[in-house]
Amino acid sequence: MPAVEIVLPGPVEPEGMLACRRPVPVPAPHEVLVEVEASGMSFDDMLMRRGTCLDRRAYPMVPGRDLAGVVTATGDAADPRLVGQRVAAVVPGGAWATHVTVDAGALTPVPEPLGAVDAVALAYPGLLARYMLHDVARVQPGQVVVVPGAPGWVGTTLVQLARQAGVRVIGVSSTRQLAETTDLDFEPVDHWTEDVSARVRQLAPGGVDAVFDSIGGPNLAESWDQLGAAGILVSYGHNFTRDATGDPADRQAALTAQFDAWAAASPGRRAATADLFAAGPPDPAWAGTVLSGLFGSAAEGRLRPYVAATFPLAEAPAALRVLETGGQVGRVVLTA
């Protein structure tokens, strides 16, 4: 049977993506062949199909930042004992396919009883959440953070990791999403019915230690104002500007300049952009360590993977439409 991959030929509507057949790829010496069981959808994929992703790759391309599946073959220099193992990987792209070759050093075993869909629900979102919390914001026990979009594809994992670190979390979202995530341990603020900044000030009169903003645009100024004297604004996603035109690098430069101006006017506060792929793929050793911890916690019941919906790979356009509509609790996942 040939391999199937979802190809993005250029900036098109989701229905303009193509399901293409090709020979099953042969792994290079240090690679393995993974028969993909699940792959994730992310904000990056939305921007790539619009042609506005800062991490731009040449068209045609296959989207998808992470995958989970079973190793079916190995290259000459890879460990043949990997065959038959369920693994996961975070990759620069190409995950929306039935068969993908991956460097053996980028694989993380998926422990029982965790399945492929749940592994993908935690993979890229978990790496990003872990990076923002501990490498960018450097949160400490007893601190207070705000997570707009707390029930989202990154937020559900971000909230759990923050709480495990002893951090108090204020989560902002819609009435419906908040009602569907009462099991997540955060203090809810409803952006449909409440003045978010006023409510955050009531909950944290001295300001918060960090805001993890996935919205961007005018919301960044609101997030900045919620910070305490030594707080940090961590920006990721930029959902507000997903339909913006022009060079993404120019927008990023303008955002950096805005952050610098705010920091200069408020010494002690900081602002940063979090992008795991800004300088290439994440370090495989770091990613493997983080993913092993996430998967182990999930297998032991200490971390819950949130899956908003699953779609067969062939229905990737419909799945992307759902993702772009927004309002999901957790991750949209493609399955083989």
C-alpha atoms as a PDB file:
ATOM      1  CA  MET A   1       0.000   0.000   0.000  1.00  0.00           C
ATOM      2  CA  PRO A   2       1.311   3.499  -0.803  1.00  0.00           C
ATOM      3  CA  ALA A   3       1.775   6.183   1.789  1.00  0.00           C
ATOM      4  CA  VAL A   4      -0.717   9.054   1.934  1.00  0.00           C
ATOM      5  CA  GLU A   5       0.149  12.600   2.964  1.00  0.00           C
ATOM      6  CA  ILE A   6      -1.791  15.837   3.183  1.00  0.00           C
ATOM      7  CA  VAL A   7      -0.035  18.393   1.001  1.00  0.00           C
ATOM      8  CA  LEU A   8      -0.390  22.141   1.326  1.00  0.00           C
ATOM      9  CA  PRO A   9       0.361  23.427  -2.195  1.00  0.00           C
ATOM     10  CA  GLY A  10       0.456  27.082  -1.138  1.00  0.00           C
ATOM     11  CA  PRO A  11      -1.659  29.627   0.777  1.00  0.00           C
ATOM     12  CA  VAL A  12      -5.097  28.109   0.163  1.00  0.00           C
ATOM     13  CA  GLU A  13      -8.376  27.481   1.926  1.00  0.00           C
ATOM     14  CA  PRO A  14      -8.408  24.204   3.872  1.00  0.00           C
ATOM     15  CA  GLU A  15     -10.284  22.527   1.022  1.00  0.00           C
ATOM     16  CA  GLY A  16      -7.356  23.363  -1.255  1.00  0.00           C
ATOM     17  CA  MET A  17      -5.121  20.879   0.570  1.00  0.00           C
ATOM     18  CA  LEU A  18      -4.412  17.657  -1.333  1.00  0.00           C
ATOM     19  CA  ALA A  19      -4.366  14.030  -0.214  1.00  0.00           C
ATOM     20  CA  CYS A  20      -1.435  12.643  -2.218  1.00  0.00           C
ATOM     21  CA  ARG A  21      -0.190   9.076  -2.613  1.00  0.00           C
ATOM     22  CA  ARG A  22       3.493   8.255  -2.797  1.00  0.00           C
ATOM     23  CA  PRO A  23       5.749   5.263  -2.197  1.00  0.00           C
ATOM     24  CA  VAL A  24       6.350   4.446   1.447  1.00  0.00           C
ATOM     25  CA  PRO A  25       9.562   6.312   2.342  1.00  0.00           C
ATOM     26  CA  VAL A  26      12.757   4.409   3.108  1.00  0.00           C
ATOM     27  CA  PRO A  27      14.570   5.491   6.289  1.00  0.00           C
ATOM     28  CA  ALA A  28      18.090   6.859   5.998  1.00  0.00           C
ATOM     29  CA  PRO A  29      20.816   5.158   8.086  1.00  0.00           C
ATOM     30  CA  HIS A  30      20.015   7.006  11.343  1.00  0.00           C
ATOM     31  CA  GLU A  31      16.259   7.172  10.777  1.00  0.00           C
ATOM     32  CA  VAL A  32      13.261   4.949  11.434  1.00  0.00           C
ATOM     33  CA  LEU A  33      10.001   4.576   9.552  1.00  0.00           C
ATOM     34  CA  VAL A  34       6.941   5.323  11.685  1.00  0.00           C
ATOM     35  CA  GLU A  35       3.494   4.126  10.672  1.00  0.00           C
ATOM     36  CA  VAL A  36       1.559   7.095  11.998  1.00  0.00           C
ATOM     37  CA  GLU A  37      -1.443   6.456  14.226  1.00  0.00           C
ATOM     38  CA  ALA A  38      -2.090  10.075  15.232  1.00  0.00           C
ATOM     39  CA  SER A  39      -0.800  13.542  14.408  1.00  0.00           C
ATOM     40  CA  GLY A  40      -1.666  16.901  15.895  1.00  0.00           C
ATOM     41  CA  MET A  41      -3.092  20.167  14.618  1.00  0.00           C
ATOM     42  CA  SER A  42      -1.683  23.426  15.940  1.00  0.00           C
ATOM     43  CA  PHE A  43      -1.850  27.173  15.470  1.00  0.00           C
ATOM     44  CA  ASP A  44       1.299  26.868  13.356  1.00  0.00           C
ATOM     45  CA  ASP A  45      -0.651  24.846  10.791  1.00  0.00           C
ATOM     46  CA  MET A  46      -3.286  27.581  10.508  1.00  0.00           C
ATOM     47  CA  LEU A  47      -0.593  30.145   9.805  1.00  0.00           C
ATOM     48  CA  MET A  48       1.213  27.896   7.337  1.00  0.00           C
ATOM     49  CA  ARG A  49      -1.900  27.409   5.245  1.00  0.00           C
ATOM     50  CA  ARG A  50      -2.345  31.207   5.247  1.00  0.00           C
ATOM     51  CA  GLY A  51       1.302  31.822   4.367  1.00  0.00           C
ATOM     52  CA  THR A  52       1.796  33.953   7.483  1.00  0.00           C
ATOM     53  CA  CYS A  53       3.861  31.652   9.715  1.00  0.00           C
ATOM     54  CA  LEU A  54       7.145  33.144  10.919  1.00  0.00           C
ATOM     55  CA  ASP A  55       8.722  29.711  10.489  1.00  0.00           C
ATOM     56  CA  ARG A  56       8.064  29.623   6.744  1.00  0.00           C
ATOM     57  CA  ARG A  57       8.763  26.479   4.743  1.00  0.00           C
ATOM     58  CA  ALA A  58       8.758  26.162   0.993  1.00  0.00           C
ATOM     59  CA  TYR A  59       5.557  25.028  -0.729  1.00  0.00           C
ATOM     60  CA  PRO A  60       4.405  22.417  -1.446  1.00  0.00           C
ATOM     61  CA  MET A  61       4.689  21.099   2.080  1.00  0.00           C
ATOM     62  CA  VAL A  62       3.126  18.628   4.502  1.00  0.00           C
ATOM     63  CA  PRO A  63       1.978  20.284   7.755  1.00  0.00           C
ATOM     64  CA  GLY A  64       2.044  18.762  11.223  1.00  0.00           C
ATOM     65  CA  ARG A  65       4.441  19.335  14.131  1.00  0.00           C
ATOM     66  CA  ASP A  66       4.005  16.082  16.052  1.00  0.00           C
ATOM     67  CA  LEU A  67       3.042  12.457  15.618  1.00  0.00           C
ATOM     68  CA  ALA A  68       2.725   9.123  17.379  1.00  0.00           C
ATOM     69  CA  GLY A  69       2.807   5.677  15.853  1.00  0.00           C
ATOM     70  CA  VAL A  70       4.614   2.363  15.562  1.00  0.00           C
ATOM     71  CA  VAL A  71       8.130   1.881  14.186  1.00  0.00           C
ATOM     72  CA  THR A  72       7.959  -0.508  11.220  1.00  0.00           C
ATOM     73  CA  ALA A  73      11.515  -0.279   9.840  1.00  0.00           C
ATOM     74  CA  THR A  74      14.916   1.131  10.747  1.00  0.00           C
ATOM     75  CA  GLY A  75      17.858   2.494   8.817  1.00  0.00           C
ATOM     76  CA  ASP A  76      21.145   0.621   8.816  1.00  0.00           C
ATOM     77  CA  ALA A  77      22.575   2.665  11.724  1.00  0.00           C
ATOM     78  CA  ALA A  78      19.408   2.725  13.866  1.00  0.00           C
ATOM     79  CA  ASP A  79      18.611   0.183  16.572  1.00  0.00           C
ATOM     80  CA  PRO A  80      16.531  -2.605  15.011  1.00  0.00           C
ATOM     81  CA  ARG A  81      14.960  -3.273  18.415  1.00  0.00           C
ATOM     82  CA  LEU A  82      12.866  -0.144  17.838  1.00  0.00           C
ATOM     83  CA  VAL A  83      10.688  -2.043  15.379  1.00  0.00           C
ATOM     84  CA  GLY A  84       7.267  -2.636  16.901  1.00  0.00           C
ATOM     85  CA  GLN A  85       7.574   0.105  19.523  1.00  0.00           C
ATOM     86  CA  ARG A  86       5.010   2.886  19.827  1.00  0.00           C
ATOM     87  CA  VAL A  87       6.847   6.202  19.782  1.00  0.00           C
ATOM     88  CA  ALA A  88       6.149   9.920  19.533  1.00  0.00           C
ATOM     89  CA  ALA A  89       8.139  12.789  18.069  1.00  0.00           C
ATOM     90  CA  VAL A  90       7.943  16.545  17.637  1.00  0.00           C
ATOM     91  CA  VAL A  91       9.129  17.433  14.129  1.00  0.00           C
ATOM     92  CA  PRO A  92       9.567  20.597  12.020  1.00  0.00           C
ATOM     93  CA  GLY A  93       6.720  19.465   9.754  1.00  0.00           C
ATOM     94  CA  GLY A  94       5.455  16.569   7.703  1.00  0.00           C
ATOM     95  CA  ALA A  95       3.424  14.747  10.351  1.00  0.00           C
ATOM     96  CA  TRP A  96       0.114  14.710   8.456  1.00  0.00           C
ATOM     97  CA  ALA A  97       0.888  11.446   6.695  1.00  0.00           C
ATOM     98  CA  THR A  98       0.439   7.693   7.079  1.00  0.00           C
ATOM     99  CA  HIS A  99       4.201   7.007   7.059  1.00  0.00           C
ATOM    100  CA  VAL A 100       6.976   9.364   8.187  1.00  0.00           C
ATOM    101  CA  THR A 101      10.713   8.905   8.533  1.00  0.00           C
ATOM    102  CA  VAL A 102      12.113  10.354  11.755  1.00  0.00           C
ATOM    103  CA  ASP A 103      15.639  10.567  13.139  1.00  0.00           C
ATOM    104  CA  ALA A 104      15.956   7.807  15.725  1.00  0.00           C
ATOM    105  CA  GLY A 105      17.361  10.290  18.229  1.00  0.00           C
ATOM    106  CA  ALA A 106      14.144  12.337  18.104  1.00  0.00           C
ATOM    107  CA  LEU A 107      11.878   9.501  19.265  1.00  0.00           C
ATOM    108  CA  THR A 108      10.279   9.154  22.691  1.00  0.00           C
ATOM    109  CA  PRO A 109       8.690   5.841  23.731  1.00  0.00           C
ATOM    110  CA  VAL A 110       4.978   5.998  24.527  1.00  0.00           C
ATOM    111  CA  PRO A 111       4.353   3.921  27.670  1.00  0.00           C
ATOM    112  CA  GLU A 112       1.332   1.732  28.293  1.00  0.00           C
ATOM    113  CA  PRO A 113      -1.512   2.422  28.798  1.00  0.00           C
ATOM    114  CA  LEU A 114      -1.117   5.751  26.973  1.00  0.00           C
ATOM    115  CA  GLY A 115      -2.411   5.596  23.397  1.00  0.00           C
ATOM    116  CA  ALA A 116      -1.225   7.446  20.311  1.00  0.00           C
ATOM    117  CA  VAL A 117      -4.016  10.046  20.374  1.00  0.00           C
ATOM    118  CA  ASP A 118      -3.367  10.947  24.013  1.00  0.00           C
ATOM    119  CA  ALA A 119       0.389  11.101  23.356  1.00  0.00           C
ATOM    120  CA  VAL A 120      -0.176  13.611  20.553  1.00  0.00           C
ATOM    121  CA  ALA A 121      -2.541  15.613  22.757  1.00  0.00           C
ATOM    122  CA  LEU A 122       0.442  16.177  25.068  1.00  0.00           C
ATOM    123  CA  ALA A 123       3.430  16.261  22.705  1.00  0.00           C
ATOM    124  CA  TYR A 124       3.899  19.649  21.027  1.00  0.00           C
ATOM    125  CA  PRO A 125       1.568  21.446  23.502  1.00  0.00           C
ATOM    126  CA  GLY A 126       3.448  19.920  26.427  1.00  0.00           C
ATOM    127  CA  LEU A 127       6.860  20.923  25.113  1.00  0.00           C
ATOM    128  CA  LEU A 128       5.646  24.470  24.497  1.00  0.00           C
ATOM    129  CA  ALA A 129       3.983  24.713  27.903  1.00  0.00           C
ATOM    130  CA  ARG A 130       7.059  23.352  29.688  1.00  0.00           C
ATOM    131  CA  TYR A 131       9.332  25.748  27.782  1.00  0.00           C
ATOM    132  CA  MET A 132       7.195  28.793  28.572  1.00  0.00           C
ATOM    133  CA  LEU A 133       6.767  27.967  32.241  1.00  0.00           C
ATOM    134  CA  HIS A 134      10.270  26.937  33.181  1.00  0.00           C
ATOM    135  CA  ASP A 135      12.647  28.284  30.533  1.00  0.00           C
ATOM    136  CA  VAL A 136      11.017  31.616  29.669  1.00  0.00           C
ATOM    137  CA  ALA A 137       8.960  32.669  32.714  1.00  0.00           C
ATOM    138  CA  ARG A 138      10.919  30.558  35.237  1.00  0.00           C
ATOM    139  CA  VAL A 139       7.901  30.241  37.499  1.00  0.00           C
ATOM    140  CA  GLN A 140       8.342  29.548  41.192  1.00  0.00           C
ATOM    141  CA  PRO A 141       6.046  27.924  43.757  1.00  0.00           C
ATOM    142  CA  GLY A 142       3.578  30.398  45.214  1.00  0.00           C
ATOM    143  CA  GLN A 143       3.526  32.671  42.176  1.00  0.00           C
ATOM    144  CA  VAL A 144       0.349  33.687  40.335  1.00  0.00           C
ATOM    145  CA  VAL A 145      -0.103  33.463  36.555  1.00  0.00           C
ATOM    146  CA  VAL A 146      -2.860  34.234  34.055  1.00  0.00           C
ATOM    147  CA  VAL A 147      -3.633  31.870  31.186  1.00  0.00           C
ATOM    148  CA  PRO A 148      -5.987  33.329  28.561  1.00  0.00           C
ATOM    149  CA  GLY A 149      -7.464  30.416  26.653  1.00  0.00           C
ATOM    150  CA  ALA A 150      -6.890  28.055  29.579  1.00  0.00           C
ATOM    151  CA  PRO A 151      -9.082  25.302  28.037  1.00  0.00           C
ATOM    152  CA  GLY A 152      -7.245  25.432  24.705  1.00  0.00           C
ATOM    153  CA  TRP A 153      -4.866  23.037  22.966  1.00  0.00           C
ATOM    154  CA  VAL A 154      -1.873  24.396  24.922  1.00  0.00           C
ATOM    155  CA  GLY A 155      -3.726  25.851  27.896  1.00  0.00           C
ATOM    156  CA  THR A 156      -5.053  22.557  29.256  1.00  0.00           C
ATOM    157  CA  THR A 157      -1.525  21.210  29.638  1.00  0.00           C
ATOM    158  CA  LEU A 158      -0.068  24.571  30.688  1.00  0.00           C
ATOM    159  CA  VAL A 159      -2.523  24.857  33.581  1.00  0.00           C
ATOM    160  CA  GLN A 160      -1.763  21.346  34.822  1.00  0.00           C
ATOM    161  CA  LEU A 161       2.012  21.812  34.667  1.00  0.00           C
ATOM    162  CA  ALA A 162       1.747  25.161  36.435  1.00  0.00           C
ATOM    163  CA  ARG A 163      -0.314  23.671  39.236  1.00  0.00           C
ATOM    164  CA  GLN A 164       2.166  20.798  39.580  1.00  0.00           C
ATOM    165  CA  ALA A 165       4.860  23.451  40.015  1.00  0.00           C
ATOM    166  CA  GLY A 166       2.939  24.988  42.908  1.00  0.00           C
ATOM    167  CA  VAL A 167       1.744  27.992  40.904  1.00  0.00           C
ATOM    168  CA  ARG A 168      -1.681  29.593  41.317  1.00  0.00           C
ATOM    169  CA  VAL A 169      -3.487  29.885  37.975  1.00  0.00           C
ATOM    170  CA  ILE A 170      -6.154  32.347  36.833  1.00  0.00           C
ATOM    171  CA  GLY A 171      -7.734  30.976  33.655  1.00  0.00           C
ATOM    172  CA  VAL A 172      -9.590  33.159  31.164  1.00  0.00           C
ATOM    173  CA  SER A 173     -12.048  31.792  28.612  1.00  0.00           C
ATOM    174  CA  SER A 174     -15.665  31.697  27.438  1.00  0.00           C
ATOM    175  CA  THR A 175     -18.662  30.591  29.474  1.00  0.00           C
ATOM    176  CA  ARG A 176     -18.986  27.284  27.605  1.00  0.00           C
ATOM    177  CA  GLN A 177     -15.308  26.342  27.761  1.00  0.00           C
ATOM    178  CA  LEU A 178     -15.096  27.183  31.446  1.00  0.00           C
ATOM    179  CA  ALA A 179     -18.123  24.968  32.103  1.00  0.00           C
ATOM    180  CA  GLU A 180     -16.411  22.083  30.297  1.00  0.00           C
ATOM    181  CA  THR A 181     -13.161  22.351  32.271  1.00  0.00           C
ATOM    182  CA  THR A 182     -14.293  22.479  35.874  1.00  0.00           C
ATOM    183  CA  ASP A 183     -11.893  19.602  36.557  1.00  0.00           C
ATOM    184  CA  LEU A 184      -8.927  21.840  35.679  1.00  0.00           C
ATOM    185  CA  ASP A 185      -7.556  23.505  38.794  1.00  0.00           C
ATOM    186  CA  PHE A 186      -7.687  27.211  37.979  1.00  0.00           C
ATOM    187  CA  GLU A 187      -9.646  30.258  39.085  1.00  0.00           C
ATOM    188  CA  PRO A 188     -12.024  31.040  36.187  1.00  0.00           C
ATOM    189  CA  VAL A 189     -12.606  34.429  34.585  1.00  0.00           C
ATOM    190  CA  ASP A 190     -15.303  34.599  31.902  1.00  0.00           C
ATOM    191  CA  HIS A 191     -14.328  37.003  29.138  1.00  0.00           C
ATOM    192  CA  TRP A 192     -17.943  37.015  27.878  1.00  0.00           C
ATOM    193  CA  THR A 193     -19.458  38.285  31.112  1.00  0.00           C
ATOM    194  CA  GLU A 194     -16.639  39.908  33.094  1.00  0.00           C
ATOM    195  CA  ASP A 195     -14.157  42.755  32.748  1.00  0.00           C
ATOM    196  CA  VAL A 196     -11.066  40.560  32.603  1.00  0.00           C
ATOM    197  CA  SER A 197      -8.504  43.085  33.834  1.00  0.00           C
ATOM    198  CA  ALA A 198     -10.745  44.263  36.681  1.00  0.00           C
ATOM    199  CA  ARG A 199     -11.390  40.689  37.768  1.00  0.00           C
ATOM    200  CA  VAL A 200      -7.688  39.790  37.630  1.00  0.00           C
ATOM    201  CA  ARG A 201      -6.913  42.831  39.795  1.00  0.00           C
ATOM    202  CA  GLN A 202      -9.486  41.588  42.327  1.00  0.00           C
ATOM    203  CA  LEU A 203      -7.915  38.139  42.382  1.00  0.00           C
ATOM    204  CA  ALA A 204      -4.319  39.432  42.436  1.00  0.00           C
ATOM    205  CA  PRO A 205      -4.280  43.028  43.749  1.00  0.00           C
ATOM    206  CA  GLY A 206      -0.506  43.303  43.419  1.00  0.00           C
ATOM    207  CA  GLY A 207      -0.475  42.065  39.858  1.00  0.00           C
ATOM    208  CA  VAL A 208       0.501  38.635  38.582  1.00  0.00           C
ATOM    209  CA  ASP A 209       3.911  37.109  38.021  1.00  0.00           C
ATOM    210  CA  ALA A 210       3.262  35.983  34.432  1.00  0.00           C
ATOM    211  CA  VAL A 211       0.659  36.089  31.678  1.00  0.00           C
ATOM    212  CA  PHE A 212       0.796  33.479  28.908  1.00  0.00           C
ATOM    213  CA  ASP A 213      -0.993  35.229  26.037  1.00  0.00           C
ATOM    214  CA  SER A 214      -2.035  33.234  22.967  1.00  0.00           C
ATOM    215  CA  ILE A 215      -4.268  35.962  21.545  1.00  0.00           C
ATOM    216  CA  GLY A 216      -1.946  38.804  20.606  1.00  0.00           C
ATOM    217  CA  GLY A 217      -3.030  42.103  19.077  1.00  0.00           C
ATOM    218  CA  PRO A 218      -4.763  44.511  21.486  1.00  0.00           C
ATOM    219  CA  ASN A 219      -4.948  41.774  24.128  1.00  0.00           C
ATOM    220  CA  LEU A 220      -1.208  42.086  24.720  1.00  0.00           C
ATOM    221  CA  ALA A 221      -1.611  45.555  26.244  1.00  0.00           C
ATOM    222  CA  GLU A 222      -4.275  44.197  28.590  1.00  0.00           C
ATOM    223  CA  SER A 223      -2.014  41.312  29.550  1.00  0.00           C
ATOM    224  CA  TRP A 224       0.896  43.689  30.187  1.00  0.00           C
ATOM    225  CA  ASP A 225      -1.249  45.784  32.532  1.00  0.00           C
ATOM    226  CA  GLN A 226      -2.070  42.694  34.613  1.00  0.00           C
ATOM    227  CA  LEU A 227       1.582  42.150  35.538  1.00  0.00           C
ATOM    228  CA  GLY A 228       3.091  42.904  38.891  1.00  0.00           C
ATOM    229  CA  ALA A 229       6.252  44.952  39.307  1.00  0.00           C
ATOM    230  CA  ALA A 230       8.525  42.063  38.269  1.00  0.00           C
ATOM    231  CA  GLY A 231       6.141  40.118  36.049  1.00  0.00           C
ATOM    232  CA  ILE A 232       6.680  38.721  32.562  1.00  0.00           C
ATOM    233  CA  LEU A 233       4.365  38.631  29.553  1.00  0.00           C
ATOM    234  CA  VAL A 234       4.936  35.521  27.428  1.00  0.00           C
ATOM    235  CA  SER A 235       3.352  35.818  24.000  1.00  0.00           C
ATOM    236  CA  TYR A 236       2.639  32.806  21.800  1.00  0.00           C
ATOM    237  CA  GLY A 237       0.093  31.984  19.123  1.00  0.00           C
ATOM    238  CA  HIS A 238      -1.029  35.496  18.111  1.00  0.00           C
ATOM    239  CA  ASN A 239      -4.541  34.316  17.275  1.00  0.00           C
ATOM    240  CA  PHE A 240      -5.754  37.905  16.839  1.00  0.00           C
ATOM    241  CA  THR A 241      -3.334  38.517  13.963  1.00  0.00           C
ATOM    242  CA  ARG A 242      -3.725  35.196  12.138  1.00  0.00           C
ATOM    243  CA  ASP A 243      -5.289  36.915   9.097  1.00  0.00           C
ATOM    244  CA  ALA A 244      -2.724  39.721   8.980  1.00  0.00           C
ATOM    245  CA  THR A 245      -0.987  40.416   5.698  1.00  0.00           C
ATOM    246  CA  GLY A 246       2.607  41.363   4.984  1.00  0.00           C
ATOM    247  CA  ASP A 247       5.917  39.844   6.020  1.00  0.00           C
ATOM    248  CA  PRO A 248       5.666  37.879   9.306  1.00  0.00           C
ATOM    249  CA  ALA A 249       9.239  38.915  10.111  1.00  0.00           C
ATOM    250  CA  ASP A 250       8.210  42.579   9.971  1.00  0.00           C
ATOM    251  CA  ARG A 251       5.337  41.924  12.379  1.00  0.00           C
ATOM    252  CA  GLN A 252       7.670  40.087  14.727  1.00  0.00           C
ATOM    253  CA  ALA A 253      10.141  42.979  14.626  1.00  0.00           C
ATOM    254  CA  ALA A 254       7.344  45.428  15.423  1.00  0.00           C
ATOM    255  CA  LEU A 255       6.210  43.249  18.319  1.00  0.00           C
ATOM    256  CA  THR A 256       9.744  43.071  19.700  1.00  0.00           C
ATOM    257  CA  ALA A 257      10.032  46.855  19.476  1.00  0.00           C
ATOM    258  CA  GLN A 258       6.729  47.235  21.335  1.00  0.00           C
ATOM    259  CA  PHE A 259       7.904  44.888  24.060  1.00  0.00           C
ATOM    260  CA  ASP A 260      11.167  46.799  24.400  1.00  0.00           C
ATOM    261  CA  ALA A 261       9.274  50.082  24.726  1.00  0.00           C
ATOM    262  CA  TRP A 262       6.985  48.693  27.418  1.00  0.00           C
ATOM    263  CA  ALA A 263       9.914  47.260  29.354  1.00  0.00           C
ATOM    264  CA  ALA A 264      11.794  50.557  29.155  1.00  0.00           C
ATOM    265  CA  ALA A 265       8.771  52.381  30.564  1.00  0.00           C
ATOM    266  CA  SER A 266       8.262  49.825  33.345  1.00  0.00           C
ATOM    267  CA  PRO A 267      11.659  48.650  34.629  1.00  0.00           C
ATOM    268  CA  GLY A 268      11.401  45.233  36.231  1.00  0.00           C
ATOM    269  CA  ARG A 269       8.718  43.910  33.909  1.00  0.00           C
ATOM    270  CA  ARG A 270       9.626  41.810  30.888  1.00  0.00           C
ATOM    271  CA  ALA A 271       7.979  40.566  27.700  1.00  0.00           C
ATOM    272  CA  ALA A 272       9.049  37.711  25.458  1.00  0.00           C
ATOM    273  CA  THR A 273       7.829  35.682  22.499  1.00  0.00           C
ATOM    274  CA  ALA A 274       7.847  31.891  22.889  1.00  0.00           C
ATOM    275  CA  ASP A 275       8.430  29.902  19.698  1.00  0.00           C
ATOM    276  CA  LEU A 276       9.891  26.394  19.885  1.00  0.00           C
ATOM    277  CA  PHE A 277      10.851  26.479  16.205  1.00  0.00           C
ATOM    278  CA  ALA A 278      12.281  30.006  15.978  1.00  0.00           C
ATOM    279  CA  ALA A 279      15.847  28.701  15.695  1.00  0.00           C
ATOM    280  CA  GLY A 280      15.078  25.272  14.248  1.00  0.00           C
ATOM    281  CA  PRO A 281      13.621  22.155  15.871  1.00  0.00           C
ATOM    282  CA  PRO A 282      13.855  21.739  19.642  1.00  0.00           C
ATOM    283  CA  ASP A 283      16.951  19.986  20.969  1.00  0.00           C
ATOM    284  CA  PRO A 284      16.149  16.242  20.748  1.00  0.00           C
ATOM    285  CA  ALA A 285      17.705  15.400  24.131  1.00  0.00           C
ATOM    286  CA  TRP A 286      15.703  18.128  25.894  1.00  0.00           C
ATOM    287  CA  ALA A 287      12.517  17.234  24.042  1.00  0.00           C
ATOM    288  CA  GLY A 288      12.930  13.557  24.845  1.00  0.00           C
ATOM    289  CA  THR A 289      13.418  14.250  28.541  1.00  0.00           C
ATOM    290  CA  VAL A 290      10.361  16.503  28.709  1.00  0.00           C
ATOM    291  CA  LEU A 291       8.136  14.156  26.708  1.00  0.00           C
ATOM    292  CA  SER A 292       9.187  11.155  28.791  1.00  0.00           C
ATOM    293  CA  GLY A 293       8.114  13.039  31.900  1.00  0.00           C
ATOM    294  CA  LEU A 294       4.806  14.125  30.372  1.00  0.00           C
ATOM    295  CA  PHE A 295       3.973  10.654  29.082  1.00  0.00           C
ATOM    296  CA  GLY A 296       4.954   9.037  32.364  1.00  0.00           C
ATOM    297  CA  SER A 297       2.744  11.427  34.317  1.00  0.00           C
ATOM    298  CA  ALA A 298      -0.163  10.746  31.963  1.00  0.00           C
ATOM    299  CA  ALA A 299       0.309   6.972  32.151  1.00  0.00           C
ATOM    300  CA  GLU A 300       0.208   7.220  35.953  1.00  0.00           C
ATOM    301  CA  GLY A 301      -2.925   9.387  35.915  1.00  0.00           C
ATOM    302  CA  ARG A 302      -1.231  12.568  37.142  1.00  0.00           C
ATOM    303  CA  LEU A 303      -1.641  14.482  33.876  1.00  0.00           C
ATOM    304  CA  ARG A 304      -4.750  14.444  31.698  1.00  0.00           C
ATOM    305  CA  PRO A 305      -4.539  14.673  27.903  1.00  0.00           C
ATOM    306  CA  TYR A 306      -7.452  16.766  26.581  1.00  0.00           C
ATOM    307  CA  VAL A 307      -8.700  15.771  23.124  1.00  0.00           C
ATOM    308  CA  ALA A 308     -11.277  18.089  21.565  1.00  0.00           C
ATOM    309  CA  ALA A 309     -11.954  15.962  18.481  1.00  0.00           C
ATOM    310  CA  THR A 310     -10.428  13.328  16.234  1.00  0.00           C
ATOM    311  CA  PHE A 311     -10.699  13.192  12.450  1.00  0.00           C
ATOM    312  CA  PRO A 312      -9.408  10.649   9.927  1.00  0.00           C
ATOM    313  CA  LEU A 313      -6.354  11.909   8.063  1.00  0.00           C
ATOM    314  CA  ALA A 314      -8.384  12.162   4.848  1.00  0.00           C
ATOM    315  CA  GLU A 315     -10.660  14.682   6.580  1.00  0.00           C
ATOM    316  CA  ALA A 316      -7.830  17.074   7.434  1.00  0.00           C
ATOM    317  CA  PRO A 317      -9.555  20.028   5.685  1.00  0.00           C
ATOM    318  CA  ALA A 318     -12.679  19.606   7.835  1.00  0.00           C
ATOM    319  CA  ALA A 319     -10.527  19.209  10.946  1.00  0.00           C
ATOM    320  CA  LEU A 320      -8.625  22.391  10.149  1.00  0.00           C
ATOM    321  CA  ARG A 321     -11.927  24.235   9.708  1.00  0.00           C
ATOM    322  CA  VAL A 322     -12.943  23.113  13.196  1.00  0.00           C
ATOM    323  CA  LEU A 323      -9.594  24.200  14.632  1.00  0.00           C
ATOM    324  CA  GLU A 324      -9.833  27.619  13.014  1.00  0.00           C
ATOM    325  CA  THR A 325     -13.357  28.138  14.324  1.00  0.00           C
ATOM    326  CA  GLY A 326     -11.886  28.040  17.832  1.00  0.00           C
ATOM    327  CA  GLY A 327     -13.526  27.272  21.142  1.00  0.00           C
ATOM    328  CA  GLN A 328     -12.216  23.712  21.479  1.00  0.00           C
ATOM    329  CA  VAL A 329     -11.307  22.191  24.816  1.00  0.00           C
ATOM    330  CA  GLY A 330      -7.985  20.495  24.161  1.00  0.00           C
ATOM    331  CA  ARG A 331      -6.400  19.223  20.938  1.00  0.00           C
ATOM    332  CA  VAL A 332      -7.748  18.432  17.483  1.00  0.00           C
ATOM    333  CA  VAL A 333      -6.032  15.201  16.360  1.00  0.00           C
ATOM    334  CA  LEU A 334      -5.807  13.407  13.015  1.00  0.00           C
ATOM    335  CA  THR A 335      -5.863   9.611  13.053  1.00  0.00           C
ATOM    336  CA  ALA A 336      -4.810   6.979  10.543  1.00  0.00           C
END
